[in-house]
């Protein structure tokens, strides 16, 4: 336990130092991959950014989309719960017991 905590501190300190120096070196806030990489290469290629058809940066639209996806996913998992978990476990148990019974009933082949 003591070795683990020493290793964790040994990894955490350089990581925080790297983050701090990177933030100081950049000066401004963090930019995402879209801004720093994709837009950079798009501008180099002569293309400019365009507005998406559904702009999820407005308000809570992205949260609403995740909510709807969660509700639909929850409904599907709830509807098939029995098949996914309960019946599937019972089926595998019965199949295992049937295989055990078949092995115990069948005589071993005689060596010639």
C-alpha atoms as a PDB file:
ATOM      1  CA  UNK A   1       0.000   0.000   0.000  1.00  0.00           C
ATOM      2  CA  UNK A   2       2.830   2.345   0.851  1.00  0.00           C
ATOM      3  CA  UNK A   3       4.585   1.602  -2.450  1.00  0.00           C
ATOM      4  CA  UNK A   4       1.393   2.274  -4.352  1.00  0.00           C
ATOM      5  CA  UNK A   5       0.899   5.680  -2.752  1.00  0.00           C
ATOM      6  CA  UNK A   6       4.531   6.615  -3.418  1.00  0.00           C
ATOM      7  CA  UNK A   7       4.121   5.600  -7.074  1.00  0.00           C
ATOM      8  CA  UNK A   8       0.870   7.537  -7.325  1.00  0.00           C
ATOM      9  CA  UNK A   9       2.508  10.672  -5.968  1.00  0.00           C
ATOM     10  CA  UNK A  10       5.483  10.061  -8.245  1.00  0.00           C
ATOM     11  CA  UNK A  11       3.181  10.021 -11.267  1.00  0.00           C
ATOM     12  CA  UNK A  12       0.852  12.765 -10.112  1.00  0.00           C
ATOM     13  CA  UNK A  13       3.501  15.416  -9.395  1.00  0.00           C
ATOM     14  CA  UNK A  14       5.114  15.340 -12.867  1.00  0.00           C
ATOM     15  CA  UNK A  15       1.669  15.258 -14.482  1.00  0.00           C
ATOM     16  CA  UNK A  16       0.515  18.350 -12.582  1.00  0.00           C
ATOM     17  CA  UNK A  17       3.827  20.078 -13.294  1.00  0.00           C
ATOM     18  CA  UNK A  18       3.374  19.346 -16.993  1.00  0.00           C
ATOM     19  CA  UNK A  19      -0.170  20.710 -16.957  1.00  0.00           C
ATOM     20  CA  UNK A  20       0.879  23.843 -15.122  1.00  0.00           C
ATOM     21  CA  UNK A  21       3.815  24.588 -17.410  1.00  0.00           C
ATOM     22  CA  UNK A  22       1.732  23.914 -20.497  1.00  0.00           C
ATOM     23  CA  UNK A  23      -0.956  26.299 -19.324  1.00  0.00           C
ATOM     24  CA  UNK A  24       1.617  28.985 -18.537  1.00  0.00           C
ATOM     25  CA  UNK A  25       3.345  28.489 -21.884  1.00  0.00           C
ATOM     26  CA  UNK A  26       0.118  28.753 -23.841  1.00  0.00           C
ATOM     27  CA  UNK A  27      -1.055  31.769 -21.889  1.00  0.00           C
ATOM     28  CA  UNK A  28      -4.668  31.548 -22.907  1.00  0.00           C
ATOM     29  CA  UNK A  29      -7.149  28.892 -21.972  1.00  0.00           C
ATOM     30  CA  UNK A  30      -7.192  25.415 -23.356  1.00  0.00           C
ATOM     31  CA  UNK A  31      -8.383  24.952 -26.864  1.00  0.00           C
ATOM     32  CA  UNK A  32      -9.965  21.789 -28.125  1.00  0.00           C
ATOM     33  CA  UNK A  33      -8.786  19.492 -30.880  1.00  0.00           C
ATOM     34  CA  UNK A  34     -11.288  21.044 -33.261  1.00  0.00           C
ATOM     35  CA  UNK A  35      -9.853  24.501 -32.756  1.00  0.00           C
ATOM     36  CA  UNK A  36      -6.174  23.693 -32.485  1.00  0.00           C
ATOM     37  CA  UNK A  37      -5.758  20.910 -35.021  1.00  0.00           C
ATOM     38  CA  UNK A  38      -8.721  20.578 -37.366  1.00  0.00           C
ATOM     39  CA  UNK A  39      -9.258  24.287 -37.982  1.00  0.00           C
ATOM     40  CA  UNK A  40      -5.524  24.819 -38.412  1.00  0.00           C
ATOM     41  CA  UNK A  41      -5.247  22.225 -41.161  1.00  0.00           C
ATOM     42  CA  UNK A  42      -8.544  23.276 -42.720  1.00  0.00           C
ATOM     43  CA  UNK A  43      -7.295  26.837 -43.033  1.00  0.00           C
ATOM     44  CA  UNK A  44      -4.035  25.557 -44.497  1.00  0.00           C
ATOM     45  CA  UNK A  45      -6.050  23.658 -47.096  1.00  0.00           C
ATOM     46  CA  UNK A  46      -8.035  26.782 -47.929  1.00  0.00           C
ATOM     47  CA  UNK A  47     -11.286  25.812 -46.287  1.00  0.00           C
ATOM     48  CA  UNK A  48     -13.072  27.806 -43.655  1.00  0.00           C
ATOM     49  CA  UNK A  49     -15.246  26.650 -40.807  1.00  0.00           C
ATOM     50  CA  UNK A  50     -18.931  26.376 -41.546  1.00  0.00           C
ATOM     51  CA  UNK A  51     -21.892  26.266 -39.244  1.00  0.00           C
ATOM     52  CA  UNK A  52     -23.357  22.824 -38.723  1.00  0.00           C
ATOM     53  CA  UNK A  53     -26.948  22.053 -39.673  1.00  0.00           C
ATOM     54  CA  UNK A  54     -27.835  21.383 -36.046  1.00  0.00           C
ATOM     55  CA  UNK A  55     -25.774  23.636 -33.837  1.00  0.00           C
ATOM     56  CA  UNK A  56     -25.518  21.907 -30.483  1.00  0.00           C
ATOM     57  CA  UNK A  57     -23.578  24.768 -28.916  1.00  0.00           C
ATOM     58  CA  UNK A  58     -26.789  26.696 -28.367  1.00  0.00           C
ATOM     59  CA  UNK A  59     -28.381  26.355 -24.969  1.00  0.00           C
ATOM     60  CA  UNK A  60     -28.936  22.863 -23.660  1.00  0.00           C
ATOM     61  CA  UNK A  61     -29.638  21.170 -26.976  1.00  0.00           C
ATOM     62  CA  UNK A  62     -26.775  18.693 -26.538  1.00  0.00           C
ATOM     63  CA  UNK A  63     -28.008  17.778 -23.059  1.00  0.00           C
ATOM     64  CA  UNK A  64     -31.500  17.304 -24.454  1.00  0.00           C
ATOM     65  CA  UNK A  65     -30.174  14.985 -27.160  1.00  0.00           C
ATOM     66  CA  UNK A  66     -28.302  12.921 -24.554  1.00  0.00           C
ATOM     67  CA  UNK A  67     -31.441  12.829 -22.412  1.00  0.00           C
ATOM     68  CA  UNK A  68     -33.547  11.516 -25.289  1.00  0.00           C
ATOM     69  CA  UNK A  69     -30.872   8.931 -26.179  1.00  0.00           C
ATOM     70  CA  UNK A  70     -30.723   7.839 -22.532  1.00  0.00           C
ATOM     71  CA  UNK A  71     -34.487   7.495 -22.328  1.00  0.00           C
ATOM     72  CA  UNK A  72     -34.632   5.441 -25.517  1.00  0.00           C
ATOM     73  CA  UNK A  73     -31.678   3.286 -24.435  1.00  0.00           C
ATOM     74  CA  UNK A  74     -33.206   2.788 -20.996  1.00  0.00           C
ATOM     75  CA  UNK A  75     -36.515   1.758 -22.519  1.00  0.00           C
ATOM     76  CA  UNK A  76     -34.854  -0.773 -24.821  1.00  0.00           C
ATOM     77  CA  UNK A  77     -32.729  -2.270 -22.036  1.00  0.00           C
ATOM     78  CA  UNK A  78     -35.741  -2.377 -19.721  1.00  0.00           C
ATOM     79  CA  UNK A  79     -37.883  -4.055 -22.355  1.00  0.00           C
ATOM     80  CA  UNK A  80     -35.293  -6.742 -23.068  1.00  0.00           C
ATOM     81  CA  UNK A  81     -34.057  -7.043 -19.467  1.00  0.00           C
ATOM     82  CA  UNK A  82     -35.322 -10.554 -19.051  1.00  0.00           C
ATOM     83  CA  UNK A  83     -33.765 -11.772 -22.264  1.00  0.00           C
ATOM     84  CA  UNK A  84     -30.489 -10.004 -21.647  1.00  0.00           C
ATOM     85  CA  UNK A  85     -29.922 -11.023 -18.054  1.00  0.00           C
ATOM     86  CA  UNK A  86     -32.445 -13.262 -16.334  1.00  0.00           C
ATOM     87  CA  UNK A  87     -33.378 -15.743 -19.086  1.00  0.00           C
ATOM     88  CA  UNK A  88     -29.884 -15.696 -20.501  1.00  0.00           C
ATOM     89  CA  UNK A  89     -28.409 -16.795 -17.172  1.00  0.00           C
ATOM     90  CA  UNK A  90     -31.058 -19.473 -16.681  1.00  0.00           C
ATOM     91  CA  UNK A  91     -30.528 -20.756 -20.227  1.00  0.00           C
ATOM     92  CA  UNK A  92     -26.800 -21.032 -19.738  1.00  0.00           C
ATOM     93  CA  UNK A  93     -27.296 -22.834 -16.418  1.00  0.00           C
ATOM     94  CA  UNK A  94     -29.704 -25.337 -17.944  1.00  0.00           C
ATOM     95  CA  UNK A  95     -27.395 -25.887 -20.902  1.00  0.00           C
ATOM     96  CA  UNK A  96     -24.478 -26.547 -18.569  1.00  0.00           C
ATOM     97  CA  UNK A  97     -26.475 -28.979 -16.484  1.00  0.00           C
ATOM     98  CA  UNK A  98     -27.666 -30.796 -19.638  1.00  0.00           C
ATOM     99  CA  UNK A  99     -24.091 -31.133 -20.858  1.00  0.00           C
ATOM    100  CA  UNK A 100     -23.055 -32.479 -17.455  1.00  0.00           C
ATOM    101  CA  UNK A 101     -25.883 -34.997 -17.509  1.00  0.00           C
ATOM    102  CA  UNK A 102     -25.011 -36.148 -21.018  1.00  0.00           C
ATOM    103  CA  UNK A 103     -21.387 -36.630 -20.070  1.00  0.00           C
ATOM    104  CA  UNK A 104     -22.305 -38.604 -16.981  1.00  0.00           C
ATOM    105  CA  UNK A 105     -24.763 -40.851 -18.898  1.00  0.00           C
ATOM    106  CA  UNK A 106     -22.653 -41.629 -21.928  1.00  0.00           C
ATOM    107  CA  UNK A 107     -20.244 -44.497 -21.492  1.00  0.00           C
ATOM    108  CA  UNK A 108     -16.625 -43.853 -22.148  1.00  0.00           C
ATOM    109  CA  UNK A 109     -15.388 -45.215 -25.484  1.00  0.00           C
ATOM    110  CA  UNK A 110     -13.521 -48.477 -25.226  1.00  0.00           C
ATOM    111  CA  UNK A 111      -9.940 -48.504 -26.319  1.00  0.00           C
ATOM    112  CA  UNK A 112      -9.196 -50.889 -29.132  1.00  0.00           C
END
